[in-house]
C-alpha atoms as a PDB file:
ATOM      1  CA  MET A   1      -0.204   0.121  -0.051  1.00  0.00           C
ATOM      2  CA  VAL A   2       2.780   2.391   0.937  1.00  0.00           C
ATOM      3  CA  ILE A   3       4.500   1.967  -2.518  1.00  0.00           C
ATOM      4  CA  TYR A   4       1.203   2.781  -4.150  1.00  0.00           C
ATOM      5  CA  LEU A   5       0.905   6.003  -2.019  1.00  0.00           C
ATOM      6  CA  HIS A   6       4.397   7.017  -2.647  1.00  0.00           C
ATOM      7  CA  GLU A   7       4.179   6.629  -6.444  1.00  0.00           C
ATOM      8  CA  ALA A   8       0.959   8.718  -6.507  1.00  0.00           C
ATOM      9  CA  LEU A   9       2.657  11.390  -4.402  1.00  0.00           C
ATOM     10  CA  ASP A  10       5.858  11.301  -6.703  1.00  0.00           C
ATOM     11  CA  ARG A  11       3.701  12.164  -9.525  1.00  0.00           C
ATOM     12  CA  ARG A  12       2.098  15.007  -7.855  1.00  0.00           C
ATOM     13  CA  LEU A  13       5.408  16.383  -6.739  1.00  0.00           C
ATOM     14  CA  GLU A  14       6.823  16.254 -10.235  1.00  0.00           C
ATOM     15  CA  ALA A  15       4.071  18.263 -11.444  1.00  0.00           C
ATOM     16  CA  GLY A  16       4.728  21.420  -9.393  1.00  0.00           C
ATOM     17  CA  SER A  17       4.808  22.795  -5.959  1.00  0.00           C
ATOM     18  CA  PRO A  18       3.028  20.579  -3.445  1.00  0.00           C
ATOM     19  CA  GLY A  19       0.437  21.496  -1.237  1.00  0.00           C
ATOM     20  CA  GLU A  20      -1.954  19.841   1.401  1.00  0.00           C
ATOM     21  CA  ALA A  21      -4.667  19.221  -1.503  1.00  0.00           C
ATOM     22  CA  ASP A  22      -1.927  17.360  -3.461  1.00  0.00           C
ATOM     23  CA  ILE A  23      -1.081  15.054  -0.514  1.00  0.00           C
ATOM     24  CA  LEU A  24      -4.846  14.386  -0.041  1.00  0.00           C
ATOM     25  CA  ASP A  25      -5.423  13.682  -3.717  1.00  0.00           C
ATOM     26  CA  ALA A  26      -2.358  11.551  -3.960  1.00  0.00           C
ATOM     27  CA  THR A  27      -3.329   9.521  -0.886  1.00  0.00           C
ATOM     28  CA  ILE A  28      -6.866   8.985  -2.224  1.00  0.00           C
ATOM     29  CA  GLU A  29      -5.494   7.909  -5.777  1.00  0.00           C
ATOM     30  CA  GLY A  30      -2.976   5.470  -4.190  1.00  0.00           C
ATOM     31  CA  ALA A  31      -5.661   4.029  -1.862  1.00  0.00           C
ATOM     32  CA  VAL A  32      -7.976   3.500  -4.872  1.00  0.00           C
ATOM     33  CA  GLN A  33      -5.466   1.760  -6.815  1.00  0.00           C
ATOM     34  CA  ARG A  34      -4.878  -0.778  -3.918  1.00  0.00           C
ATOM     35  CA  LEU A  35      -8.787  -1.185  -3.228  1.00  0.00           C
ATOM     36  CA  ARG A  36      -9.666  -3.708  -5.859  1.00  0.00           C
ATOM     37  CA  PRO A  37      -6.867  -6.135  -5.075  1.00  0.00           C
ATOM     38  CA  LYS A  38      -7.319  -6.177  -1.347  1.00  0.00           C
ATOM     39  CA  LEU A  39     -10.951  -6.516  -1.537  1.00  0.00           C
ATOM     40  CA  MET A  40     -10.652  -9.412  -4.170  1.00  0.00           C
ATOM     41  CA  THR A  41      -8.339 -11.253  -1.687  1.00  0.00           C
ATOM     42  CA  VAL A  42     -10.386 -10.852   1.318  1.00  0.00           C
ATOM     43  CA  ALA A  43     -13.379 -11.961  -0.639  1.00  0.00           C
ATOM     44  CA  VAL A  44     -11.840 -15.088  -1.773  1.00  0.00           C
ATOM     45  CA  VAL A  45     -10.471 -15.994   1.547  1.00  0.00           C
ATOM     46  CA  MET A  46     -13.734 -15.383   3.544  1.00  0.00           C
ATOM     47  CA  LEU A  47     -15.767 -17.248   0.679  1.00  0.00           C
ATOM     48  CA  SER A  48     -13.242 -20.204   1.175  1.00  0.00           C
ATOM     49  CA  LEU A  49     -13.728 -20.271   4.964  1.00  0.00           C
ATOM     50  CA  ALA A  50     -17.362 -19.811   5.077  1.00  0.00           C
ATOM     51  CA  PRO A  51     -18.288 -23.581   4.637  1.00  0.00           C
ATOM     52  CA  ILE A  52     -15.730 -24.423   7.357  1.00  0.00           C
ATOM     53  CA  LEU A  53     -17.232 -22.086   9.799  1.00  0.00           C
ATOM     54  CA  TRP A  54     -20.933 -23.291   8.966  1.00  0.00           C
ATOM     55  CA  GLU A  55     -20.120 -26.857   9.096  1.00  0.00           C
ATOM     56  CA  SER A  56     -21.370 -29.000  11.904  1.00  0.00           C
ATOM     57  CA  GLY A  57     -19.998 -32.600  10.766  1.00  0.00           C
ATOM     58  CA  ILE A  58     -17.156 -34.626  11.440  1.00  0.00           C
ATOM     59  CA  GLY A  59     -13.908 -32.740  11.848  1.00  0.00           C
ATOM     60  CA  SER A  60     -15.713 -29.401  12.062  1.00  0.00           C
ATOM     61  CA  ASP A  61     -14.617 -29.127  15.884  1.00  0.00           C
ATOM     62  CA  VAL A  62     -10.995 -29.067  14.780  1.00  0.00           C
ATOM     63  CA  MET A  63     -11.236 -26.755  11.821  1.00  0.00           C
ATOM     64  CA  LYS A  64     -13.429 -23.966  13.232  1.00  0.00           C
ATOM     65  CA  PRO A  65     -10.814 -22.836  15.713  1.00  0.00           C
ATOM     66  CA  ILE A  66      -8.449 -22.702  12.978  1.00  0.00           C
ATOM     67  CA  ALA A  67     -10.620 -20.799  10.447  1.00  0.00           C
ATOM     68  CA  ALA A  68     -12.037 -18.102  13.100  1.00  0.00           C
ATOM     69  CA  PRO A  69      -8.963 -16.184  13.594  1.00  0.00           C
ATOM     70  CA  ILE A  70      -8.059 -16.268   9.846  1.00  0.00           C
ATOM     71  CA  VAL A  71     -11.439 -14.489   9.257  1.00  0.00           C
ATOM     72  CA  GLY A  72     -10.647 -11.994  12.037  1.00  0.00           C
ATOM     73  CA  GLY A  73      -7.237 -11.281  10.769  1.00  0.00           C
ATOM     74  CA  MET A  74      -8.692 -10.631   7.328  1.00  0.00           C
ATOM     75  CA  ILE A  75     -11.009  -8.243   8.697  1.00  0.00           C
ATOM     76  CA  THR A  76      -8.655  -6.492  10.668  1.00  0.00           C
ATOM     77  CA  SER A  77      -5.849  -6.361   7.905  1.00  0.00           C
ATOM     78  CA  THR A  78      -8.432  -4.824   5.554  1.00  0.00           C
ATOM     79  CA  ILE A  79      -9.183  -2.050   8.035  1.00  0.00           C
ATOM     80  CA  HIS A  80      -5.375  -1.476   8.527  1.00  0.00           C
ATOM     81  CA  VAL A  81      -4.524  -1.428   4.895  1.00  0.00           C
ATOM     82  CA  LEU A  82      -7.410   0.511   3.466  1.00  0.00           C
ATOM     83  CA  ILE A  83      -7.918   2.957   6.344  1.00  0.00           C
ATOM     84  CA  LEU A  84      -5.163   3.443   8.854  1.00  0.00           C
ATOM     85  CA  VAL A  85      -2.179   3.313   6.519  1.00  0.00           C
ATOM     86  CA  PRO A  86      -3.619   5.981   4.062  1.00  0.00           C
ATOM     87  CA  VAL A  87      -4.453   8.171   7.034  1.00  0.00           C
ATOM     88  CA  PHE A  88      -1.110   7.974   8.700  1.00  0.00           C
ATOM     89  CA  PHE A  89       0.642   8.235   5.474  1.00  0.00           C
ATOM     90  CA  ALA A  90      -1.328  11.733   4.895  1.00  0.00           C
ATOM     91  CA  MET A  91      -0.559  12.743   8.342  1.00  0.00           C
ATOM     92  CA  MET A  92       3.288  12.096   7.912  1.00  0.00           C
ATOM     93  CA  LYS A  93       3.495  13.735   4.595  1.00  0.00           C
ATOM     94  CA  GLU A  94       1.463  16.923   5.739  1.00  0.00           C
ATOM     95  CA  ARG A  95       3.877  17.199   8.636  1.00  0.00           C
ATOM     96  CA  ALA A  96       6.855  17.000   6.298  1.00  0.00           C
ATOM     97  CA  LEU A  97       5.267  19.581   4.101  1.00  0.00           C
ATOM     98  CA  HIS A  98       5.031  22.044   7.003  1.00  0.00           C
ATOM     99  CA  GLN A  99       8.620  21.273   8.131  1.00  0.00           C
ATOM    100  CA  GLY A 100       9.914  21.816   4.589  1.00  0.00           C
ATOM    101  CA  THR A 101      11.238  18.252   4.483  1.00  0.00           C
ATOM    102  CA  LEU A 102       8.791  16.811   1.898  1.00  0.00           C
ATOM    103  CA  THR A 103      10.858  15.410  -0.960  1.00  0.00           C
ATOM    104  CA  LYS A 104      10.342  13.006  -3.933  1.00  0.00           C
ATOM    105  CA  GLY A 105      10.787   9.191  -2.944  1.00  0.00           C
END
């Protein structure tokens, strides 16, 4: 995710003098580029684990404790990658802009 955010910001920095609006636009652009692959990955994992979680037959008592944390991890990783990383990226780059240390790369 951070690579997508940096590439989008670098494109904005090459275009001219950066501002807070450029940082916000670059953050949104980079996050949108990563949205589809992340959601596809999470959807496939969740769909593959759904039968394990709903099963009540032989062996389900062994598999449910394995599948439940994976589902929780996929949900929390989605929140982390799609929400927290872009927010912290924008905050750090805005701070660098105000300090005069915002550079390409």
